[in-house]
Amino acid sequence: MIDAPVWTFDYGFDPNMGEALAVLTGRARGILLGRTTYEMFEPAWSKRTVDDDPGAPFFNDTTKYVVSGTLTNASWRNTKVLGAYDPDAIRALKDEVGDLYVSGSGTLVRAMLADGLVDELHLFVFPLTLGEGPHLFPNEGKPVKMSLSACVPYDNGVVYQAYRPL
């Protein structure tokens, strides 16, 4: 289950989770977002400074590429709207830019998984069942076999898992 992360606040943020995220963002050369995630991130991150959150420079200074067939005006600096989802355009972007960091963006991630465009999937699994809400993997989706490349438990009960498609 994936959803707006407000329910994660009850678990706190283990500093080791921040270290794992720093490794991921440190190697990224761009941020790839779907429209919905972009519209959630822009007001939350665009005004933050490094004093507010150590991740702020990454989100504000790194070029953000937004996949959307409806967004025409991106107000957050360093943002480029790519247009509607096109797997060939994403492949070309990956070839041009290099490692892309994708956060949230469930619809985008599902499409990229189906098109073989995900190099590695990084998940923070929380010890909670939500019942209803959006799923990362759709019921009608074809299976994607993966191998576990990392698994780290944290003191707050969260488990970081990384998978590579086979």
C-alpha atoms as a PDB file:
ATOM      1  CA  MET A   1       0.000   0.000   0.000  1.00  0.00           C
ATOM      2  CA  ILE A   2       1.301   3.437  -0.875  1.00  0.00           C
ATOM      3  CA  ASP A   3      -0.323   6.659   0.138  1.00  0.00           C
ATOM      4  CA  ALA A   4       0.342  10.162   1.423  1.00  0.00           C
ATOM      5  CA  PRO A   5       2.907   9.559   4.161  1.00  0.00           C
ATOM      6  CA  VAL A   6       1.139  11.272   7.075  1.00  0.00           C
ATOM      7  CA  TRP A   7       0.664   7.912   8.845  1.00  0.00           C
ATOM      8  CA  THR A   8       4.470   7.418   8.926  1.00  0.00           C
ATOM      9  CA  PHE A   9       4.906  10.197  11.496  1.00  0.00           C
ATOM     10  CA  ASP A  10       3.910   7.825  14.319  1.00  0.00           C
ATOM     11  CA  TYR A  11       7.103   5.848  13.674  1.00  0.00           C
ATOM     12  CA  GLY A  12       9.545   8.714  13.782  1.00  0.00           C
ATOM     13  CA  PHE A  13      12.447   9.075  11.414  1.00  0.00           C
ATOM     14  CA  ASP A  14      15.405   6.868  12.252  1.00  0.00           C
ATOM     15  CA  PRO A  15      18.636   8.749  11.346  1.00  0.00           C
ATOM     16  CA  ASN A  16      19.815   5.623   9.512  1.00  0.00           C
ATOM     17  CA  MET A  17      16.859   6.033   7.148  1.00  0.00           C
ATOM     18  CA  GLY A  18      18.222   9.474   6.306  1.00  0.00           C
ATOM     19  CA  GLU A  19      21.627   7.944   5.590  1.00  0.00           C
ATOM     20  CA  ALA A  20      20.057   5.444   3.185  1.00  0.00           C
ATOM     21  CA  LEU A  21      18.189   8.250   1.424  1.00  0.00           C
ATOM     22  CA  ALA A  22      21.383  10.328   1.237  1.00  0.00           C
ATOM     23  CA  VAL A  23      23.114   7.495  -0.617  1.00  0.00           C
ATOM     24  CA  LEU A  24      20.237   7.291  -3.118  1.00  0.00           C
ATOM     25  CA  THR A  25      19.973  11.023  -3.686  1.00  0.00           C
ATOM     26  CA  GLY A  26      23.758  11.426  -3.735  1.00  0.00           C
ATOM     27  CA  ARG A  27      24.103   9.384  -6.897  1.00  0.00           C
ATOM     28  CA  ALA A  28      21.018  10.774  -8.646  1.00  0.00           C
ATOM     29  CA  ARG A  29      21.497  13.265 -11.482  1.00  0.00           C
ATOM     30  CA  GLY A  30      17.822  14.144 -11.783  1.00  0.00           C
ATOM     31  CA  ILE A  31      14.459  13.690 -10.100  1.00  0.00           C
ATOM     32  CA  LEU A  32      11.630  12.060 -12.055  1.00  0.00           C
ATOM     33  CA  LEU A  33       8.130  12.704 -10.742  1.00  0.00           C
ATOM     34  CA  GLY A  34       4.551  12.186 -11.778  1.00  0.00           C
ATOM     35  CA  ARG A  35       2.259  15.221 -11.709  1.00  0.00           C
ATOM     36  CA  THR A  36       0.494  14.355  -8.451  1.00  0.00           C
ATOM     37  CA  THR A  37       3.751  13.876  -6.543  1.00  0.00           C
ATOM     38  CA  TYR A  38       5.196  17.031  -8.098  1.00  0.00           C
ATOM     39  CA  GLU A  39       2.140  18.995  -6.924  1.00  0.00           C
ATOM     40  CA  MET A  40       2.575  17.605  -3.388  1.00  0.00           C
ATOM     41  CA  PHE A  41       6.346  18.152  -3.285  1.00  0.00           C
ATOM     42  CA  GLU A  42       6.495  21.668  -4.757  1.00  0.00           C
ATOM     43  CA  PRO A  43       4.828  23.527  -1.865  1.00  0.00           C
ATOM     44  CA  ALA A  44       6.484  21.270   0.719  1.00  0.00           C
ATOM     45  CA  TRP A  45      10.075  21.439  -0.569  1.00  0.00           C
ATOM     46  CA  SER A  46      10.428  24.619  -2.636  1.00  0.00           C
ATOM     47  CA  LYS A  47      10.655  26.917   0.393  1.00  0.00           C
ATOM     48  CA  ARG A  48      12.765  24.628   2.600  1.00  0.00           C
ATOM     49  CA  THR A  49      16.413  25.333   3.213  1.00  0.00           C
ATOM     50  CA  VAL A  50      19.204  23.085   4.410  1.00  0.00           C
ATOM     51  CA  ASP A  51      18.533  24.480   7.905  1.00  0.00           C
ATOM     52  CA  ASP A  52      14.983  23.106   7.688  1.00  0.00           C
ATOM     53  CA  ASP A  53      15.925  19.740   6.191  1.00  0.00           C
ATOM     54  CA  PRO A  54      19.255  18.370   4.921  1.00  0.00           C
ATOM     55  CA  GLY A  55      17.425  17.035   1.835  1.00  0.00           C
ATOM     56  CA  ALA A  56      16.277  20.492   0.723  1.00  0.00           C
ATOM     57  CA  PRO A  57      19.268  21.296  -1.530  1.00  0.00           C
ATOM     58  CA  PHE A  58      18.801  18.032  -3.426  1.00  0.00           C
ATOM     59  CA  PHE A  59      15.108  18.655  -4.075  1.00  0.00           C
ATOM     60  CA  ASN A  60      15.531  22.327  -4.917  1.00  0.00           C
ATOM     61  CA  ASP A  61      18.811  22.331  -6.856  1.00  0.00           C
ATOM     62  CA  THR A  62      18.459  19.097  -8.830  1.00  0.00           C
ATOM     63  CA  THR A  63      16.565  19.225 -12.115  1.00  0.00           C
ATOM     64  CA  LYS A  64      13.088  17.797 -11.725  1.00  0.00           C
ATOM     65  CA  TYR A  65      11.463  16.096 -14.727  1.00  0.00           C
ATOM     66  CA  VAL A  66       7.686  15.838 -14.484  1.00  0.00           C
ATOM     67  CA  VAL A  67       5.731  13.276 -16.464  1.00  0.00           C
ATOM     68  CA  SER A  68       2.291  14.747 -17.097  1.00  0.00           C
ATOM     69  CA  GLY A  69      -0.160  15.117 -19.926  1.00  0.00           C
ATOM     70  CA  THR A  70      -1.974  17.921 -18.093  1.00  0.00           C
ATOM     71  CA  LEU A  71       0.645  20.044 -16.294  1.00  0.00           C
ATOM     72  CA  THR A  72       1.779  22.913 -18.471  1.00  0.00           C
ATOM     73  CA  ASN A  73       3.298  25.397 -16.032  1.00  0.00           C
ATOM     74  CA  ALA A  74       5.889  24.282 -13.484  1.00  0.00           C
ATOM     75  CA  SER A  75       6.602  26.989 -10.917  1.00  0.00           C
ATOM     76  CA  TRP A  76       9.298  25.165  -8.922  1.00  0.00           C
ATOM     77  CA  ARG A  77      12.753  26.154 -10.141  1.00  0.00           C
ATOM     78  CA  ASN A  78      14.791  23.626 -12.117  1.00  0.00           C
ATOM     79  CA  THR A  79      11.671  21.838 -13.362  1.00  0.00           C
ATOM     80  CA  LYS A  80      11.008  20.549 -16.860  1.00  0.00           C
ATOM     81  CA  VAL A  81       7.653  19.105 -17.896  1.00  0.00           C
ATOM     82  CA  LEU A  82       8.194  16.092 -20.165  1.00  0.00           C
ATOM     83  CA  GLY A  83       4.617  15.635 -21.306  1.00  0.00           C
ATOM     84  CA  ALA A  84       2.535  12.475 -21.130  1.00  0.00           C
ATOM     85  CA  TYR A  85       4.204   9.187 -20.221  1.00  0.00           C
ATOM     86  CA  ASP A  86       6.307   7.862 -23.085  1.00  0.00           C
ATOM     87  CA  PRO A  87       8.655   4.940 -22.346  1.00  0.00           C
ATOM     88  CA  ASP A  88      10.999   5.946 -25.175  1.00  0.00           C
ATOM     89  CA  ALA A  89      11.281   9.477 -23.776  1.00  0.00           C
ATOM     90  CA  ILE A  90      12.086   8.054 -20.311  1.00  0.00           C
ATOM     91  CA  ARG A  91      14.754   5.765 -21.835  1.00  0.00           C
ATOM     92  CA  ALA A  92      16.289   8.734 -23.652  1.00  0.00           C
ATOM     93  CA  LEU A  93      16.220  10.812 -20.462  1.00  0.00           C
ATOM     94  CA  LYS A  94      17.953   8.035 -18.520  1.00  0.00           C
ATOM     95  CA  ASP A  95      20.604   7.794 -21.236  1.00  0.00           C
ATOM     96  CA  GLU A  96      21.116  11.565 -21.249  1.00  0.00           C
ATOM     97  CA  VAL A  97      20.959  12.331 -17.518  1.00  0.00           C
ATOM     98  CA  GLY A  98      22.016   9.098 -15.811  1.00  0.00           C
ATOM     99  CA  ASP A  99      20.582   7.968 -12.484  1.00  0.00           C
ATOM    100  CA  LEU A 100      17.110   9.340 -11.801  1.00  0.00           C
ATOM    101  CA  TYR A 101      15.543   9.473  -8.351  1.00  0.00           C
ATOM    102  CA  VAL A 102      11.821   8.744  -8.285  1.00  0.00           C
ATOM    103  CA  SER A 103       9.830   9.315  -5.104  1.00  0.00           C
ATOM    104  CA  GLY A 104       6.167   8.436  -4.731  1.00  0.00           C
ATOM    105  CA  SER A 105       4.677   8.673  -8.211  1.00  0.00           C
ATOM    106  CA  GLY A 106       2.880   5.316  -8.038  1.00  0.00           C
ATOM    107  CA  THR A 107       1.287   5.557 -11.487  1.00  0.00           C
ATOM    108  CA  LEU A 108       4.637   6.455 -13.040  1.00  0.00           C
ATOM    109  CA  VAL A 109       6.514   3.681 -11.205  1.00  0.00           C
ATOM    110  CA  ARG A 110       3.920   1.073 -12.220  1.00  0.00           C
ATOM    111  CA  ALA A 111       4.267   2.103 -15.869  1.00  0.00           C
ATOM    112  CA  MET A 112       8.056   2.084 -15.682  1.00  0.00           C
ATOM    113  CA  LEU A 113       8.075  -1.377 -14.070  1.00  0.00           C
ATOM    114  CA  ALA A 114       5.819  -2.689 -16.841  1.00  0.00           C
ATOM    115  CA  ASP A 115       8.134  -1.187 -19.473  1.00  0.00           C
ATOM    116  CA  GLY A 116      11.357  -2.476 -17.881  1.00  0.00           C
ATOM    117  CA  LEU A 117      12.589   1.014 -16.982  1.00  0.00           C
ATOM    118  CA  VAL A 118      13.246   0.480 -13.256  1.00  0.00           C
ATOM    119  CA  ASP A 119      16.861  -0.339 -12.433  1.00  0.00           C
ATOM    120  CA  GLU A 120      16.249  -0.729  -8.712  1.00  0.00           C
ATOM    121  CA  LEU A 121      13.227  -0.386  -6.447  1.00  0.00           C
ATOM    122  CA  HIS A 122      13.815   1.066  -2.962  1.00  0.00           C
ATOM    123  CA  LEU A 123      11.083   0.578  -0.378  1.00  0.00           C
ATOM    124  CA  PHE A 124      10.674   1.634   3.220  1.00  0.00           C
ATOM    125  CA  VAL A 125       8.172  -0.852   4.637  1.00  0.00           C
ATOM    126  CA  PHE A 126       6.323   0.286   7.756  1.00  0.00           C
ATOM    127  CA  PRO A 127       4.830  -2.140  10.306  1.00  0.00           C
ATOM    128  CA  LEU A 128       1.258  -1.127   9.565  1.00  0.00           C
ATOM    129  CA  THR A 129      -1.605  -2.357   7.426  1.00  0.00           C
ATOM    130  CA  LEU A 130      -3.795   0.350   5.949  1.00  0.00           C
ATOM    131  CA  GLY A 131      -6.409  -1.877   4.348  1.00  0.00           C
ATOM    132  CA  GLU A 132      -7.642   0.432   1.614  1.00  0.00           C
ATOM    133  CA  GLY A 133      -5.759   2.824  -0.602  1.00  0.00           C
ATOM    134  CA  PRO A 134      -3.477   2.873  -3.622  1.00  0.00           C
ATOM    135  CA  HIS A 135      -1.202  -0.120  -4.212  1.00  0.00           C
ATOM    136  CA  LEU A 136       2.280  -0.016  -5.677  1.00  0.00           C
ATOM    137  CA  PHE A 137       1.672  -3.196  -7.645  1.00  0.00           C
ATOM    138  CA  PRO A 138      -1.648  -3.293  -9.511  1.00  0.00           C
ATOM    139  CA  ASN A 139      -3.924  -6.328  -9.295  1.00  0.00           C
ATOM    140  CA  GLU A 140      -4.011  -6.602 -13.086  1.00  0.00           C
ATOM    141  CA  GLY A 141      -0.265  -6.101 -13.580  1.00  0.00           C
ATOM    142  CA  LYS A 142       2.007  -8.814 -14.912  1.00  0.00           C
ATOM    143  CA  PRO A 143       4.507 -10.281 -12.454  1.00  0.00           C
ATOM    144  CA  VAL A 144       7.970  -8.703 -12.330  1.00  0.00           C
ATOM    145  CA  LYS A 145      10.609 -11.017 -10.879  1.00  0.00           C
ATOM    146  CA  MET A 146      13.182  -9.289  -8.700  1.00  0.00           C
ATOM    147  CA  SER A 147      16.202 -10.092  -6.589  1.00  0.00           C
ATOM    148  CA  LEU A 148      16.800  -8.604  -3.159  1.00  0.00           C
ATOM    149  CA  SER A 149      19.830  -6.299  -3.183  1.00  0.00           C
ATOM    150  CA  ALA A 150      19.497  -4.779   0.314  1.00  0.00           C
ATOM    151  CA  CYS A 151      17.494  -5.302   3.478  1.00  0.00           C
ATOM    152  CA  VAL A 152      18.040  -3.167   6.578  1.00  0.00           C
ATOM    153  CA  PRO A 153      15.776  -3.107   9.658  1.00  0.00           C
ATOM    154  CA  TYR A 154      15.595   0.056  11.768  1.00  0.00           C
ATOM    155  CA  ASP A 155      14.868   0.485  15.470  1.00  0.00           C
ATOM    156  CA  ASN A 156      11.479   2.088  14.713  1.00  0.00           C
ATOM    157  CA  GLY A 157      10.245  -1.127  13.035  1.00  0.00           C
ATOM    158  CA  VAL A 158      10.677   0.151   9.470  1.00  0.00           C
ATOM    159  CA  VAL A 159      12.545  -2.108   7.054  1.00  0.00           C
ATOM    160  CA  TYR A 160      14.413  -0.751   4.029  1.00  0.00           C
ATOM    161  CA  GLN A 161      14.344  -3.158   1.093  1.00  0.00           C
ATOM    162  CA  ALA A 162      15.928  -2.748  -2.326  1.00  0.00           C
ATOM    163  CA  TYR A 163      15.125  -4.974  -5.295  1.00  0.00           C
ATOM    164  CA  ARG A 164      16.529  -5.267  -8.800  1.00  0.00           C
ATOM    165  CA  PRO A 165      14.356  -6.629 -11.592  1.00  0.00           C
ATOM    166  CA  LEU A 166      15.811  -9.818 -13.052  1.00  0.00           C
END
